[in-house]
Protein backbone atom coordinates (compact mmCIF):
# COMPACT_ATOMS: atom_id res chain seq x y z
CA UNK A 1 -30.84 -20.21 -9.06
CA UNK A 2 -28.43 -20.84 -11.91
CA UNK A 3 -25.99 -23.72 -11.85
CA UNK A 4 -22.38 -23.26 -12.78
CA UNK A 5 -21.80 -25.39 -15.87
CA UNK A 6 -18.16 -24.81 -16.69
CA UNK A 7 -15.53 -26.71 -14.69
CA UNK A 8 -14.03 -24.85 -11.76
CA UNK A 9 -10.42 -23.81 -12.14
CA UNK A 10 -8.13 -24.77 -9.28
CA UNK A 11 -4.86 -23.43 -7.98
CA UNK A 12 -3.23 -26.55 -9.45
CA UNK A 13 -4.47 -25.43 -12.89
CA UNK A 14 -2.57 -22.16 -12.47
CA UNK A 15 0.71 -24.07 -12.54
CA UNK A 16 -0.17 -25.25 -16.06
CA UNK A 17 -0.70 -21.72 -17.39
CA UNK A 18 1.81 -20.46 -19.95
CA UNK A 19 4.73 -18.23 -19.00
CA UNK A 20 3.50 -15.44 -21.26
CA UNK A 21 3.82 -12.37 -19.05
CA UNK A 22 0.16 -12.40 -18.04
CA UNK A 23 -1.01 -12.69 -14.45
CA UNK A 24 -3.30 -15.67 -13.85
CA UNK A 25 -5.44 -15.83 -10.72
CA UNK A 26 -8.35 -17.99 -9.65
CA UNK A 27 -11.05 -16.69 -7.32
CA UNK A 28 -13.67 -19.17 -6.12
CA UNK A 29 -12.95 -21.34 -9.18
CA UNK A 30 -13.17 -18.54 -11.76
CA UNK A 31 -10.06 -17.77 -13.82
CA UNK A 32 -8.96 -14.14 -14.11
CA UNK A 33 -6.26 -13.09 -16.56
CA UNK A 34 -4.63 -9.68 -16.62
CA UNK A 35 -1.77 -8.18 -18.57
CA UNK A 36 1.54 -7.63 -16.89
CA UNK A 37 1.53 -4.22 -15.18
CA UNK A 38 3.04 -1.29 -17.06
CA UNK A 39 5.72 1.14 -15.93
CA UNK A 40 3.40 3.65 -14.18
CA UNK A 41 1.94 0.79 -12.11
CA UNK A 42 5.42 -0.46 -11.23
CA UNK A 43 6.63 3.01 -10.21
CA UNK A 44 3.76 3.49 -7.77
CA UNK A 45 4.21 -0.06 -6.47
CA UNK A 46 7.91 0.61 -5.95
CA UNK A 47 7.18 3.80 -4.03
CA UNK A 48 4.77 2.03 -1.69
CA UNK A 49 7.19 -0.85 -1.20
CA UNK A 50 10.10 1.53 -0.49
CA UNK A 51 8.13 3.45 2.14
CA UNK A 52 7.06 0.25 3.88
CA UNK A 53 10.58 -1.21 3.60
CA UNK A 54 12.12 1.91 5.15
CA UNK A 55 9.60 1.80 8.00
CA UNK A 56 10.37 -1.88 8.63
CA UNK A 57 14.11 -1.19 8.64
CA UNK A 58 13.51 1.16 11.58
CA UNK A 59 10.74 -1.00 13.10
CA UNK A 60 11.58 -4.67 12.48
CA UNK A 61 8.12 -6.12 13.11
CA UNK A 62 7.58 -7.99 9.86
CA UNK A 63 8.07 -8.38 6.14
CA UNK A 64 6.81 -6.58 3.04
CA UNK A 65 6.75 -8.60 -0.20
CA UNK A 66 5.81 -7.80 -3.79
CA UNK A 67 3.65 -10.11 -5.93
CA UNK A 68 3.68 -13.21 -3.73
CA UNK A 69 1.63 -16.26 -4.54
CA UNK A 70 -1.25 -16.26 -2.07
CA UNK A 71 -3.26 -19.50 -1.91
CA UNK A 72 -6.32 -19.49 0.30
CA UNK A 73 -7.96 -22.70 -0.87
CA UNK A 74 -8.04 -25.22 -3.73
CA UNK A 75 -10.13 -22.82 -5.84
CA UNK A 76 -8.69 -19.46 -4.71
CA UNK A 77 -5.14 -18.36 -5.47
CA UNK A 78 -4.15 -14.79 -6.29
CA UNK A 79 -1.07 -12.61 -6.74
CA UNK A 80 -1.52 -9.32 -4.88
CA UNK A 81 0.77 -6.42 -5.71
CA UNK A 82 2.15 -6.04 -2.17
CA UNK A 83 1.57 -7.74 1.17
CA UNK A 84 2.76 -7.12 4.70
CA UNK A 85 2.79 -9.63 7.53
CA UNK A 86 4.33 -9.65 10.97
CA UNK A 87 7.06 -12.14 11.76
CA UNK A 88 4.65 -13.96 14.05
CA UNK A 89 2.01 -14.18 11.31
CA UNK A 90 4.68 -15.32 8.85
CA UNK A 91 5.28 -18.47 10.89
CA UNK A 92 1.60 -19.29 10.40
CA UNK A 93 1.09 -18.42 6.74
CA UNK A 94 4.24 -19.42 4.84
CA UNK A 95 4.31 -22.88 3.24
CA UNK A 96 7.03 -23.59 0.71
CA UNK A 97 7.20 -20.75 -1.79
CA UNK A 98 3.68 -19.42 -1.14
CA UNK A 99 1.55 -17.78 1.46
CA UNK A 100 -1.34 -20.06 2.42
CA UNK A 101 -3.38 -17.80 4.70
CA UNK A 102 -4.17 -14.14 5.17
CA UNK A 103 -1.32 -11.67 5.53
CA UNK A 104 -1.98 -8.66 7.77
CA UNK A 105 -2.22 -6.11 4.92
CA UNK A 106 -2.84 -6.63 1.21
CA UNK A 107 -2.26 -3.79 -1.28
CA UNK A 108 -3.63 -3.80 -4.82
CA UNK A 109 -3.00 -1.15 -7.46
CA UNK A 110 -5.94 -0.76 -9.79
CA UNK A 111 -5.15 -1.66 -13.38
CA UNK A 112 -6.99 0.03 -16.24
CA UNK A 113 -10.16 -1.61 -17.48
CA UNK A 114 -13.60 -2.22 -16.03
CA UNK A 115 -12.96 -5.93 -15.42
CA UNK A 116 -9.68 -5.34 -13.59
CA UNK A 117 -11.20 -2.64 -11.41
CA UNK A 118 -14.22 -4.82 -10.57
CA UNK A 119 -11.94 -7.74 -9.71
CA UNK A 120 -9.96 -5.66 -7.19
CA UNK A 121 -12.89 -3.70 -5.75
CA UNK A 122 -15.39 -6.55 -5.51
CA UNK A 123 -14.06 -10.10 -6.02
CA UNK A 124 -10.72 -9.66 -4.27
CA UNK A 125 -12.12 -7.53 -1.46
CA UNK A 126 -14.70 -10.24 -0.75
CA UNK A 127 -12.04 -12.96 -0.98
CA UNK A 128 -9.68 -11.13 1.36
CA UNK A 129 -12.49 -10.53 3.85
CA UNK A 130 -13.57 -14.17 3.70
CA UNK A 131 -10.08 -15.36 4.63
CA UNK A 132 -9.37 -12.72 7.29
CA UNK A 133 -7.08 -10.09 5.78
CA UNK A 134 -7.09 -7.33 8.42
CA UNK A 135 -6.47 -4.40 6.10
CA UNK A 136 -6.81 -3.92 2.35
CA UNK A 137 -5.46 -0.89 0.50
CA UNK A 138 -6.68 -0.13 -3.01
CA UNK A 139 -4.42 2.31 -4.83
CA UNK A 140 -6.12 4.31 -7.59
CA UNK A 141 -3.34 5.99 -9.57
CA UNK A 142 -5.80 7.68 -11.92
CA UNK A 143 -7.50 9.47 -9.01
CA UNK A 144 -4.26 9.61 -7.01
CA UNK A 145 -6.12 8.13 -4.06
CA UNK A 146 -5.67 5.36 -1.50
CA UNK A 147 -8.72 3.56 -0.15
CA UNK A 148 -8.13 1.82 3.16
CA UNK A 149 -10.50 -1.01 4.11
CA UNK A 150 -10.46 -2.63 7.54
CA UNK A 151 -11.91 -5.96 8.56
CA UNK A 152 -14.98 -5.62 10.76
CA UNK A 153 -17.37 -8.48 11.38
CA UNK A 154 -16.11 -10.50 8.41
CA UNK A 155 -16.36 -7.58 5.96
CA UNK A 156 -13.66 -5.23 4.69
CA UNK A 157 -15.30 -1.84 5.19
CA UNK A 158 -14.00 1.44 3.83
CA UNK A 159 -12.23 3.23 6.69
CA UNK A 160 -10.73 6.12 4.71
CA UNK A 161 -10.17 7.52 1.25
CA UNK A 162 -6.88 9.41 1.26
CA UNK A 163 -5.76 11.99 -1.30
CA UNK A 164 -3.41 14.94 -1.64
CA UNK A 165 -1.54 15.69 1.56
CA UNK A 166 -3.38 13.04 3.58
CA UNK A 167 -1.15 10.59 5.45
CA UNK A 168 -1.39 6.82 5.11
CA UNK A 169 -1.33 5.25 8.56
CA UNK A 170 -2.35 1.90 9.97
CA UNK A 171 -3.02 0.52 13.44
CA UNK A 172 -1.07 -2.53 12.25
CA UNK A 173 2.05 -0.41 11.62
CA UNK A 174 2.59 1.62 14.78
CA UNK A 175 4.26 4.92 13.89
CA UNK A 176 4.05 4.42 10.11
CA UNK A 177 3.06 7.51 8.18
CA UNK A 178 3.42 8.21 4.47
CA UNK A 179 2.00 11.18 2.55
CA UNK A 180 -0.21 10.05 -0.33
CA UNK A 181 1.72 12.38 -2.64
CA UNK A 182 4.90 10.41 -1.92
CA UNK A 183 3.57 7.21 -3.47
CA UNK A 184 2.51 8.95 -6.69
CA UNK A 185 5.79 10.79 -7.28
CA UNK A 186 7.59 9.70 -10.42
């Protein structure tokens, strides 16, 4: 068993990070730094947000937010690309300017690079499962695919990999349906 020698980073340490356009996150005390997302990332993110926003305009059950601060614990604070939470859940998870507990759905768009992909697929998926996120969508723009993970027994398990003309649906969003092709249109 190896001991961790370096000091653990905390959410408080994130506030001291420079305003340099990078995204700083801490997962279980480990600092992760990524570059600000590029235009292709933002276009896909905007398409997902717009589809969820339009659904919520017709079905006012909750809120969709881009890049919120999400603090689970002293040593775990991240900035997901998009989150959804019901109004009821919002009363439980909003504190000040941050979310302090699991939203209903978290959506991450994979950024290029092995480290970024591993962070979203492994570290964040484990973190979101640990704190009770019900559904986790990983958007892979390169493969033009959406992976939907659902919480089951404390683990976010792959429920579906959607491509092409498949429809994104969720038991948490009754009546929501969005063709995968619609989120990758430019």
